[in-house]
Amino acid sequence: MAHDAQSSETPVARGLALAWYGFCSCIGLVVITVQLWKHGMTRPAMFAVPIAVSGLSLAWLRSALKAGPPRKAKFGTHSIIVLMLTGAESIISLFRL
């Protein structure tokens, strides 16, 4: 049990954190660009999830650059939030008419 608490308190590799946050923010920007290209501004609600993913990822990227890499537990939480937002977009798209 003590080993698990210690391993979650160690920081992740700086390169991994920067790559993951950068990748997520780029994917969000690509989705925004594609949606603008395909639909224009006719469906503004479609932009909520990609903007949230990009915004959060950019904020976490900035934080990782300034304060160093996050702890494993925090990095895991950030990853779960991004993946849940991505999943929410998929589920919401099933109910669009």
PDB file of N, CA and C in Angstrom:
ATOM      1  N   MET A   1       0.822  -1.180   0.000  1.00  0.00           N
ATOM      2  CA  MET A   1       0.000   0.000   0.000  1.00  0.00           C
ATOM      3  C   MET A   1       0.870   1.249   0.000  1.00  0.00           C
ATOM      4  N   ALA A   2       1.925   1.249   0.785  1.00  0.00           N
ATOM      5  CA  ALA A   2       2.814   2.405   0.837  1.00  0.00           C
ATOM      6  C   ALA A   2       3.535   2.583  -0.491  1.00  0.00           C
ATOM      7  N   HIS A   3       3.825   1.467  -1.150  1.00  0.00           N
ATOM      8  CA  HIS A   3       4.497   1.548  -2.449  1.00  0.00           C
ATOM      9  C   HIS A   3       3.598   2.220  -3.489  1.00  0.00           C
ATOM     10  N   ASP A   4       2.284   1.935  -3.459  1.00  0.00           N
ATOM     11  CA  ASP A   4       1.357   2.560  -4.389  1.00  0.00           C
ATOM     12  C   ASP A   4       1.273   4.052  -4.169  1.00  0.00           C
ATOM     13  N   ALA A   5       1.261   4.486  -2.918  1.00  0.00           N
ATOM     14  CA  ALA A   5       1.195   5.914  -2.613  1.00  0.00           C
ATOM     15  C   ALA A   5       2.460   6.621  -3.079  1.00  0.00           C
ATOM     16  N   GLN A   6       3.602   5.967  -2.920  1.00  0.00           N
ATOM     17  CA  GLN A   6       4.853   6.573  -3.364  1.00  0.00           C
ATOM     18  C   GLN A   6       4.923   6.632  -4.880  1.00  0.00           C
ATOM     19  N   SER A   7       4.464   5.602  -5.571  1.00  0.00           N
ATOM     20  CA  SER A   7       4.559   5.604  -7.027  1.00  0.00           C
ATOM     21  C   SER A   7       3.628   6.633  -7.652  1.00  0.00           C
ATOM     22  N   SER A   8       2.497   6.934  -7.010  1.00  0.00           N
ATOM     23  CA  SER A   8       1.602   7.948  -7.560  1.00  0.00           C
ATOM     24  C   SER A   8       2.113   9.357  -7.296  1.00  0.00           C
ATOM     25  N   GLU A   9       3.051   9.497  -6.357  1.00  0.00           N
ATOM     26  CA  GLU A   9       3.610  10.807  -6.048  1.00  0.00           C
ATOM     27  C   GLU A   9       4.841  11.134  -6.897  1.00  0.00           C
ATOM     28  N   THR A  10       5.369  10.180  -7.633  1.00  0.00           N
ATOM     29  CA  THR A  10       6.521  10.463  -8.484  1.00  0.00           C
ATOM     30  C   THR A  10       6.050  11.142  -9.760  1.00  0.00           C
ATOM     31  N   PRO A  11       6.819  12.080 -10.271  1.00  0.00           N
ATOM     32  CA  PRO A  11       6.399  12.761 -11.503  1.00  0.00           C
ATOM     33  C   PRO A  11       6.580  11.863 -12.718  1.00  0.00           C
ATOM     34  N   VAL A  12       5.762  12.116 -13.724  1.00  0.00           N
ATOM     35  CA  VAL A  12       5.918  11.398 -14.987  1.00  0.00           C
ATOM     36  C   VAL A  12       7.086  12.021 -15.743  1.00  0.00           C
ATOM     37  N   ALA A  13       7.538  11.362 -16.777  1.00  0.00           N
ATOM     38  CA  ALA A  13       8.622  11.898 -17.596  1.00  0.00           C
ATOM     39  C   ALA A  13       8.153  13.197 -18.262  1.00  0.00           C
ATOM     40  N   ARG A  14       9.008  14.179 -18.247  1.00  0.00           N
ATOM     41  CA  ARG A  14       8.657  15.493 -18.802  1.00  0.00           C
ATOM     42  C   ARG A  14       8.260  15.378 -20.273  1.00  0.00           C
ATOM     43  N   GLY A  15       9.001  14.591 -21.023  1.00  0.00           N
ATOM     44  CA  GLY A  15       8.700  14.428 -22.445  1.00  0.00           C
ATOM     45  C   GLY A  15       7.339  13.800 -22.682  1.00  0.00           C
ATOM     46  N   LEU A  16       6.978  12.840 -21.843  1.00  0.00           N
ATOM     47  CA  LEU A  16       5.675  12.191 -21.973  1.00  0.00           C
ATOM     48  C   LEU A  16       4.556  13.192 -21.718  1.00  0.00           C
ATOM     49  N   ALA A  17       4.679  13.972 -20.669  1.00  0.00           N
ATOM     50  CA  ALA A  17       3.640  14.958 -20.346  1.00  0.00           C
ATOM     51  C   ALA A  17       3.513  15.994 -21.461  1.00  0.00           C
ATOM     52  N   LEU A  18       4.638  16.507 -21.932  1.00  0.00           N
ATOM     53  CA  LEU A  18       4.592  17.520 -22.996  1.00  0.00           C
ATOM     54  C   LEU A  18       4.023  16.937 -24.280  1.00  0.00           C
ATOM     55  N   ALA A  19       4.415  15.708 -24.623  1.00  0.00           N
ATOM     56  CA  ALA A  19       3.916  15.077 -25.840  1.00  0.00           C
ATOM     57  C   ALA A  19       2.413  14.820 -25.750  1.00  0.00           C
ATOM     58  N   TRP A  20       1.945  14.316 -24.604  1.00  0.00           N
ATOM     59  CA  TRP A  20       0.522  14.003 -24.458  1.00  0.00           C
ATOM     60  C   TRP A  20      -0.329  15.264 -24.488  1.00  0.00           C
ATOM     61  N   TYR A  21       0.063  16.276 -23.735  1.00  0.00           N
ATOM     62  CA  TYR A  21      -0.716  17.511 -23.721  1.00  0.00           C
ATOM     63  C   TYR A  21      -0.683  18.193 -25.092  1.00  0.00           C
ATOM     64  N   GLY A  22       0.467  18.201 -25.731  1.00  0.00           N
ATOM     65  CA  GLY A  22       0.575  18.779 -27.071  1.00  0.00           C
ATOM     66  C   GLY A  22      -0.267  18.023 -28.082  1.00  0.00           C
ATOM     67  N   PHE A  23      -0.237  16.704 -28.007  1.00  0.00           N
ATOM     68  CA  PHE A  23      -1.022  15.871 -28.919  1.00  0.00           C
ATOM     69  C   PHE A  23      -2.515  16.140 -28.739  1.00  0.00           C
ATOM     70  N   CYS A  24      -2.971  16.171 -27.512  1.00  0.00           N
ATOM     71  CA  CYS A  24      -4.398  16.402 -27.248  1.00  0.00           C
ATOM     72  C   CYS A  24      -4.841  17.780 -27.721  1.00  0.00           C
ATOM     73  N   SER A  25      -4.020  18.791 -27.500  1.00  0.00           N
ATOM     74  CA  SER A  25      -4.398  20.130 -27.951  1.00  0.00           C
ATOM     75  C   SER A  25      -4.411  20.212 -29.468  1.00  0.00           C
ATOM     76  N   CYS A  26      -3.474  19.546 -30.130  1.00  0.00           N
ATOM     77  CA  CYS A  26      -3.456  19.539 -31.600  1.00  0.00           C
ATOM     78  C   CYS A  26      -4.666  18.801 -32.162  1.00  0.00           C
ATOM     79  N   ILE A  27      -5.014  17.684 -31.560  1.00  0.00           N
ATOM     80  CA  ILE A  27      -6.191  16.940 -32.018  1.00  0.00           C
ATOM     81  C   ILE A  27      -7.450  17.797 -31.868  1.00  0.00           C
ATOM     82  N   GLY A  28      -7.579  18.491 -30.759  1.00  0.00           N
ATOM     83  CA  GLY A  28      -8.728  19.372 -30.559  1.00  0.00           C
ATOM     84  C   GLY A  28      -8.790  20.468 -31.616  1.00  0.00           C
ATOM     85  N   LEU A  29      -7.640  21.053 -31.935  1.00  0.00           N
ATOM     86  CA  LEU A  29      -7.604  22.098 -32.963  1.00  0.00           C
ATOM     87  C   LEU A  29      -7.920  21.543 -34.348  1.00  0.00           C
ATOM     88  N   VAL A  30      -7.461  20.330 -34.638  1.00  0.00           N
ATOM     89  CA  VAL A  30      -7.769  19.701 -35.928  1.00  0.00           C
ATOM     90  C   VAL A  30      -9.264  19.426 -36.035  1.00  0.00           C
ATOM     91  N   VAL A  31      -9.873  18.940 -34.956  1.00  0.00           N
ATOM     92  CA  VAL A  31     -11.317  18.679 -34.974  1.00  0.00           C
ATOM     93  C   VAL A  31     -12.094  19.973 -35.176  1.00  0.00           C
ATOM     94  N   ILE A  32     -11.680  21.042 -34.524  1.00  0.00           N
ATOM     95  CA  ILE A  32     -12.338  22.342 -34.704  1.00  0.00           C
ATOM     96  C   ILE A  32     -12.221  22.794 -36.157  1.00  0.00           C
ATOM     97  N   THR A  33     -11.032  22.660 -36.730  1.00  0.00           N
ATOM     98  CA  THR A  33     -10.805  23.068 -38.120  1.00  0.00           C
ATOM     99  C   THR A  33     -11.651  22.258 -39.089  1.00  0.00           C
ATOM    100  N   VAL A  34     -11.696  20.958 -38.891  1.00  0.00           N
ATOM    101  CA  VAL A  34     -12.488  20.100 -39.779  1.00  0.00           C
ATOM    102  C   VAL A  34     -13.973  20.428 -39.659  1.00  0.00           C
ATOM    103  N   GLN A  35     -14.449  20.646 -38.442  1.00  0.00           N
ATOM    104  CA  GLN A  35     -15.858  20.977 -38.268  1.00  0.00           C
ATOM    105  C   GLN A  35     -16.201  22.327 -38.886  1.00  0.00           C
ATOM    106  N   LEU A  36     -15.297  23.291 -38.780  1.00  0.00           N
ATOM    107  CA  LEU A  36     -15.526  24.578 -39.441  1.00  0.00           C
ATOM    108  C   LEU A  36     -15.553  24.407 -40.948  1.00  0.00           C
ATOM    109  N   TRP A  37     -14.671  23.583 -41.466  1.00  0.00           N
ATOM    110  CA  TRP A  37     -14.592  23.369 -42.904  1.00  0.00           C
ATOM    111  C   TRP A  37     -15.847  22.661 -43.424  1.00  0.00           C
ATOM    112  N   LYS A  38     -16.326  21.655 -42.688  1.00  0.00           N
ATOM    113  CA  LYS A  38     -17.475  20.883 -43.143  1.00  0.00           C
ATOM    114  C   LYS A  38     -18.802  21.598 -42.917  1.00  0.00           C
ATOM    115  N   HIS A  39     -18.979  22.219 -41.754  1.00  0.00           N
ATOM    116  CA  HIS A  39     -20.282  22.749 -41.377  1.00  0.00           C
ATOM    117  C   HIS A  39     -20.319  24.259 -41.204  1.00  0.00           C
ATOM    118  N   GLY A  40     -19.190  24.909 -41.186  1.00  0.00           N
ATOM    119  CA  GLY A  40     -19.179  26.339 -40.919  1.00  0.00           C
ATOM    120  C   GLY A  40     -19.642  26.615 -39.500  1.00  0.00           C
ATOM    121  N   MET A  41     -20.333  27.698 -39.316  1.00  0.00           N
ATOM    122  CA  MET A  41     -20.830  28.050 -37.981  1.00  0.00           C
ATOM    123  C   MET A  41     -22.312  27.705 -37.828  1.00  0.00           C
ATOM    124  N   THR A  42     -22.812  26.757 -38.637  1.00  0.00           N
ATOM    125  CA  THR A  42     -24.228  26.401 -38.559  1.00  0.00           C
ATOM    126  C   THR A  42     -24.552  25.591 -37.314  1.00  0.00           C
ATOM    127  N   ARG A  43     -23.564  24.892 -36.747  1.00  0.00           N
ATOM    128  CA  ARG A  43     -23.772  24.073 -35.548  1.00  0.00           C
ATOM    129  C   ARG A  43     -22.743  24.452 -34.475  1.00  0.00           C
ATOM    130  N   PRO A  44     -22.951  25.558 -33.795  1.00  0.00           N
ATOM    131  CA  PRO A  44     -21.946  26.000 -32.817  1.00  0.00           C
ATOM    132  C   PRO A  44     -21.794  25.073 -31.613  1.00  0.00           C
ATOM    133  N   ALA A  45     -22.806  24.262 -31.308  1.00  0.00           N
ATOM    134  CA  ALA A  45     -22.703  23.350 -30.167  1.00  0.00           C
ATOM    135  C   ALA A  45     -21.659  22.258 -30.408  1.00  0.00           C
ATOM    136  N   MET A  46     -21.325  22.012 -31.674  1.00  0.00           N
ATOM    137  CA  MET A  46     -20.327  20.981 -31.993  1.00  0.00           C
ATOM    138  C   MET A  46     -18.930  21.370 -31.521  1.00  0.00           C
ATOM    139  N   PHE A  47     -18.715  22.628 -31.249  1.00  0.00           N
ATOM    140  CA  PHE A  47     -17.381  23.102 -30.896  1.00  0.00           C
ATOM    141  C   PHE A  47     -17.085  23.020 -29.400  1.00  0.00           C
ATOM    142  N   ALA A  48     -18.068  22.717 -28.590  1.00  0.00           N
ATOM    143  CA  ALA A  48     -17.884  22.752 -27.132  1.00  0.00           C
ATOM    144  C   ALA A  48     -16.824  21.756 -26.666  1.00  0.00           C
ATOM    145  N   VAL A  49     -16.928  20.522 -27.086  1.00  0.00           N
ATOM    146  CA  VAL A  49     -15.986  19.499 -26.614  1.00  0.00           C
ATOM    147  C   VAL A  49     -14.579  19.717 -27.169  1.00  0.00           C
ATOM    148  N   PRO A  50     -14.407  19.957 -28.488  1.00  0.00           N
ATOM    149  CA  PRO A  50     -13.034  20.184 -28.959  1.00  0.00           C
ATOM    150  C   PRO A  50     -12.374  21.423 -28.355  1.00  0.00           C
ATOM    151  N   ILE A  51     -13.161  22.456 -28.100  1.00  0.00           N
ATOM    152  CA  ILE A  51     -12.603  23.653 -27.466  1.00  0.00           C
ATOM    153  C   ILE A  51     -12.194  23.336 -26.032  1.00  0.00           C
ATOM    154  N   ALA A  52     -13.010  22.555 -25.330  1.00  0.00           N
ATOM    155  CA  ALA A  52     -12.664  22.170 -23.955  1.00  0.00           C
ATOM    156  C   ALA A  52     -11.404  21.317 -23.927  1.00  0.00           C
ATOM    157  N   VAL A  53     -11.299  20.359 -24.841  1.00  0.00           N
ATOM    158  CA  VAL A  53     -10.108  19.504 -24.891  1.00  0.00           C
ATOM    159  C   VAL A  53      -8.869  20.333 -25.195  1.00  0.00           C
ATOM    160  N   SER A  54      -8.965  21.197 -26.198  1.00  0.00           N
ATOM    161  CA  SER A  54      -7.810  22.034 -26.556  1.00  0.00           C
ATOM    162  C   SER A  54      -7.444  22.995 -25.434  1.00  0.00           C
ATOM    163  N   GLY A  55      -8.447  23.631 -24.853  1.00  0.00           N
ATOM    164  CA  GLY A  55      -8.176  24.595 -23.788  1.00  0.00           C
ATOM    165  C   GLY A  55      -7.549  23.962 -22.565  1.00  0.00           C
ATOM    166  N   LEU A  56      -8.114  22.853 -22.126  1.00  0.00           N
ATOM    167  CA  LEU A  56      -7.543  22.161 -20.967  1.00  0.00           C
ATOM    168  C   LEU A  56      -6.133  21.659 -21.261  1.00  0.00           C
ATOM    169  N   SER A  57      -5.948  21.078 -22.434  1.00  0.00           N
ATOM    170  CA  SER A  57      -4.627  20.546 -22.776  1.00  0.00           C
ATOM    171  C   SER A  57      -3.586  21.653 -22.867  1.00  0.00           C
ATOM    172  N   LEU A  58      -3.963  22.787 -23.435  1.00  0.00           N
ATOM    173  CA  LEU A  58      -3.019  23.910 -23.507  1.00  0.00           C
ATOM    174  C   LEU A  58      -2.700  24.461 -22.123  1.00  0.00           C
ATOM    175  N   ALA A  59      -3.706  24.516 -21.254  1.00  0.00           N
ATOM    176  CA  ALA A  59      -3.461  24.991 -19.885  1.00  0.00           C
ATOM    177  C   ALA A  59      -2.524  24.034 -19.155  1.00  0.00           C
ATOM    178  N   TRP A  60      -2.746  22.731 -19.293  1.00  0.00           N
ATOM    179  CA  TRP A  60      -1.885  21.748 -18.642  1.00  0.00           C
ATOM    180  C   TRP A  60      -0.494  21.739 -19.263  1.00  0.00           C
ATOM    181  N   LEU A  61      -0.404  21.982 -20.574  1.00  0.00           N
ATOM    182  CA  LEU A  61       0.900  22.063 -21.240  1.00  0.00           C
ATOM    183  C   LEU A  61       1.689  23.251 -20.701  1.00  0.00           C
ATOM    184  N   ARG A  62       1.023  24.376 -20.561  1.00  0.00           N
ATOM    185  CA  ARG A  62       1.676  25.567 -20.011  1.00  0.00           C
ATOM    186  C   ARG A  62       2.136  25.316 -18.574  1.00  0.00           C
ATOM    187  N   SER A  63       1.287  24.665 -17.803  1.00  0.00           N
ATOM    188  CA  SER A  63       1.643  24.341 -16.426  1.00  0.00           C
ATOM    189  C   SER A  63       2.836  23.387 -16.368  1.00  0.00           C
ATOM    190  N   ALA A  64       2.870  22.407 -17.264  1.00  0.00           N
ATOM    191  CA  ALA A  64       3.988  21.461 -17.291  1.00  0.00           C
ATOM    192  C   ALA A  64       5.280  22.142 -17.716  1.00  0.00           C
ATOM    193  N   LEU A  65       5.175  23.129 -18.593  1.00  0.00           N
ATOM    194  CA  LEU A  65       6.372  23.860 -19.012  1.00  0.00           C
ATOM    195  C   LEU A  65       6.907  24.744 -17.891  1.00  0.00           C
ATOM    196  N   LYS A  66       5.998  25.373 -17.138  1.00  0.00           N
ATOM    197  CA  LYS A  66       6.427  26.291 -16.087  1.00  0.00           C
ATOM    198  C   LYS A  66       6.844  25.576 -14.804  1.00  0.00           C
ATOM    199  N   ALA A  67       6.017  24.652 -14.340  1.00  0.00           N
ATOM    200  CA  ALA A  67       6.240  24.052 -13.025  1.00  0.00           C
ATOM    201  C   ALA A  67       6.874  22.671 -13.081  1.00  0.00           C
ATOM    202  N   GLY A  68       7.109  22.165 -14.250  1.00  0.00           N
ATOM    203  CA  GLY A  68       7.657  20.819 -14.365  1.00  0.00           C
ATOM    204  C   GLY A  68       6.551  19.798 -14.575  1.00  0.00           C
ATOM    205  N   PRO A  69       6.924  18.565 -14.801  1.00  0.00           N
ATOM    206  CA  PRO A  69       5.916  17.540 -15.094  1.00  0.00           C
ATOM    207  C   PRO A  69       5.023  17.256 -13.888  1.00  0.00           C
ATOM    208  N   PRO A  70       3.781  16.882 -14.154  1.00  0.00           N
ATOM    209  CA  PRO A  70       2.862  16.594 -13.047  1.00  0.00           C
ATOM    210  C   PRO A  70       3.155  15.235 -12.416  1.00  0.00           C
ATOM    211  N   ARG A  71       2.594  15.014 -11.256  1.00  0.00           N
ATOM    212  CA  ARG A  71       2.690  13.712 -10.599  1.00  0.00           C
ATOM    213  C   ARG A  71       1.865  12.701 -11.390  1.00  0.00           C
ATOM    214  N   LYS A  72       2.165  11.427 -11.175  1.00  0.00           N
ATOM    215  CA  LYS A  72       1.462  10.381 -11.927  1.00  0.00           C
ATOM    216  C   LYS A  72      -0.043  10.415 -11.694  1.00  0.00           C
ATOM    217  N   ALA A  73      -0.458  10.640 -10.471  1.00  0.00           N
ATOM    218  CA  ALA A  73      -1.895  10.667 -10.174  1.00  0.00           C
ATOM    219  C   ALA A  73      -2.576  11.823 -10.902  1.00  0.00           C
ATOM    220  N   LYS A  74      -1.955  12.986 -10.895  1.00  0.00           N
ATOM    221  CA  LYS A  74      -2.527  14.157 -11.557  1.00  0.00           C
ATOM    222  C   LYS A  74      -2.545  13.963 -13.071  1.00  0.00           C
ATOM    223  N   PHE A  75      -1.478  13.395 -13.605  1.00  0.00           N
ATOM    224  CA  PHE A  75      -1.399  13.132 -15.037  1.00  0.00           C
ATOM    225  C   PHE A  75      -2.484  12.134 -15.447  1.00  0.00           C
ATOM    226  N   GLY A  76      -2.703  11.117 -14.628  1.00  0.00           N
ATOM    227  CA  GLY A  76      -3.760  10.150 -14.900  1.00  0.00           C
ATOM    228  C   GLY A  76      -5.136  10.788 -14.881  1.00  0.00           C
ATOM    229  N   THR A  77      -5.353  11.685 -13.939  1.00  0.00           N
ATOM    230  CA  THR A  77      -6.624  12.393 -13.858  1.00  0.00           C
ATOM    231  C   THR A  77      -6.838  13.262 -15.092  1.00  0.00           C
ATOM    232  N   HIS A  78      -5.807  13.959 -15.514  1.00  0.00           N
ATOM    233  CA  HIS A  78      -5.901  14.786 -16.716  1.00  0.00           C
ATOM    234  C   HIS A  78      -6.222  13.930 -17.930  1.00  0.00           C
ATOM    235  N   SER A  79      -5.574  12.788 -18.045  1.00  0.00           N
ATOM    236  CA  SER A  79      -5.809  11.899 -19.188  1.00  0.00           C
ATOM    237  C   SER A  79      -7.235  11.369 -19.183  1.00  0.00           C
ATOM    238  N   ILE A  80      -7.741  11.014 -18.020  1.00  0.00           N
ATOM    239  CA  ILE A  80      -9.112  10.505 -17.923  1.00  0.00           C
ATOM    240  C   ILE A  80     -10.112  11.592 -18.296  1.00  0.00           C
ATOM    241  N   ILE A  81      -9.859  12.822 -17.886  1.00  0.00           N
ATOM    242  CA  ILE A  81     -10.757  13.927 -18.233  1.00  0.00           C
ATOM    243  C   ILE A  81     -10.809  14.113 -19.738  1.00  0.00           C
ATOM    244  N   VAL A  82      -9.651  14.115 -20.394  1.00  0.00           N
ATOM    245  CA  VAL A  82      -9.619  14.282 -21.851  1.00  0.00           C
ATOM    246  C   VAL A  82     -10.324  13.116 -22.544  1.00  0.00           C
ATOM    247  N   LEU A  83     -10.079  11.901 -22.098  1.00  0.00           N
ATOM    248  CA  LEU A  83     -10.716  10.749 -22.719  1.00  0.00           C
ATOM    249  C   LEU A  83     -12.230  10.733 -22.474  1.00  0.00           C
ATOM    250  N   MET A  84     -12.663  11.176 -21.298  1.00  0.00           N
ATOM    251  CA  MET A  84     -14.101  11.249 -21.031  1.00  0.00           C
ATOM    252  C   MET A  84     -14.767  12.315 -21.904  1.00  0.00           C
ATOM    253  N   LEU A  85     -14.102  13.437 -22.093  1.00  0.00           N
ATOM    254  CA  LEU A  85     -14.649  14.460 -22.988  1.00  0.00           C
ATOM    255  C   LEU A  85     -14.747  13.939 -24.414  1.00  0.00           C
ATOM    256  N   THR A  86     -13.749  13.210 -24.842  1.00  0.00           N
ATOM    257  CA  THR A  86     -13.771  12.633 -26.183  1.00  0.00           C
ATOM    258  C   THR A  86     -14.898  11.610 -26.303  1.00  0.00           C
ATOM    259  N   GLY A  87     -15.072  10.803 -25.286  1.00  0.00           N
ATOM    260  CA  GLY A  87     -16.170   9.847 -25.284  1.00  0.00           C
ATOM    261  C   GLY A  87     -17.522  10.528 -25.244  1.00  0.00           C
ATOM    262  N   ALA A  88     -17.617  11.621 -24.518  1.00  0.00           N
ATOM    263  CA  ALA A  88     -18.868  12.369 -24.450  1.00  0.00           C
ATOM    264  C   ALA A  88     -19.240  12.906 -25.827  1.00  0.00           C
ATOM    265  N   GLU A  89     -18.257  13.347 -26.567  1.00  0.00           N
ATOM    266  CA  GLU A  89     -18.511  13.836 -27.931  1.00  0.00           C
ATOM    267  C   GLU A  89     -19.064  12.716 -28.795  1.00  0.00           C
ATOM    268  N   SER A  90     -18.531  11.514 -28.652  1.00  0.00           N
ATOM    269  CA  SER A  90     -19.009  10.379 -29.435  1.00  0.00           C
ATOM    270  C   SER A  90     -20.433  10.008 -29.052  1.00  0.00           C
ATOM    271  N   ILE A  91     -20.729  10.022 -27.773  1.00  0.00           N
ATOM    272  CA  ILE A  91     -22.070   9.669 -27.319  1.00  0.00           C
ATOM    273  C   ILE A  91     -23.079  10.735 -27.741  1.00  0.00           C
ATOM    274  N   ILE A  92     -22.701  11.997 -27.635  1.00  0.00           N
ATOM    275  CA  ILE A  92     -23.595  13.086 -28.033  1.00  0.00           C
ATOM    276  C   ILE A  92     -23.890  13.015 -29.520  1.00  0.00           C
ATOM    277  N   SER A  93     -22.883  12.662 -30.318  1.00  0.00           N
ATOM    278  CA  SER A  93     -23.085  12.600 -31.767  1.00  0.00           C
ATOM    279  C   SER A  93     -24.067  11.509 -32.173  1.00  0.00           C
ATOM    280  N   LEU A  94     -24.264  10.502 -31.334  1.00  0.00           N
ATOM    281  CA  LEU A  94     -25.245   9.458 -31.644  1.00  0.00           C
ATOM    282  C   LEU A  94     -26.669   9.987 -31.621  1.00  0.00           C
ATOM    283  N   PHE A  95     -26.918  11.020 -30.826  1.00  0.00           N
ATOM    284  CA  PHE A  95     -28.274  11.539 -30.650  1.00  0.00           C
ATOM    285  C   PHE A  95     -28.557  12.779 -31.489  1.00  0.00           C
ATOM    286  N   ARG A  96     -27.620  13.185 -32.310  1.00  0.00           N
ATOM    287  CA  ARG A  96     -27.865  14.341 -33.191  1.00  0.00           C
ATOM    288  C   ARG A  96     -28.732  13.906 -34.354  1.00  0.00           C
ATOM    289  N   LEU A  97     -29.581  14.809 -34.760  1.00  0.00           N
ATOM    290  CA  LEU A  97     -30.450  14.507 -35.907  1.00  0.00           C
ATOM    291  C   LEU A  97     -29.905  15.074 -37.175  1.00  0.00           C
TER     292      LEU A  97
END
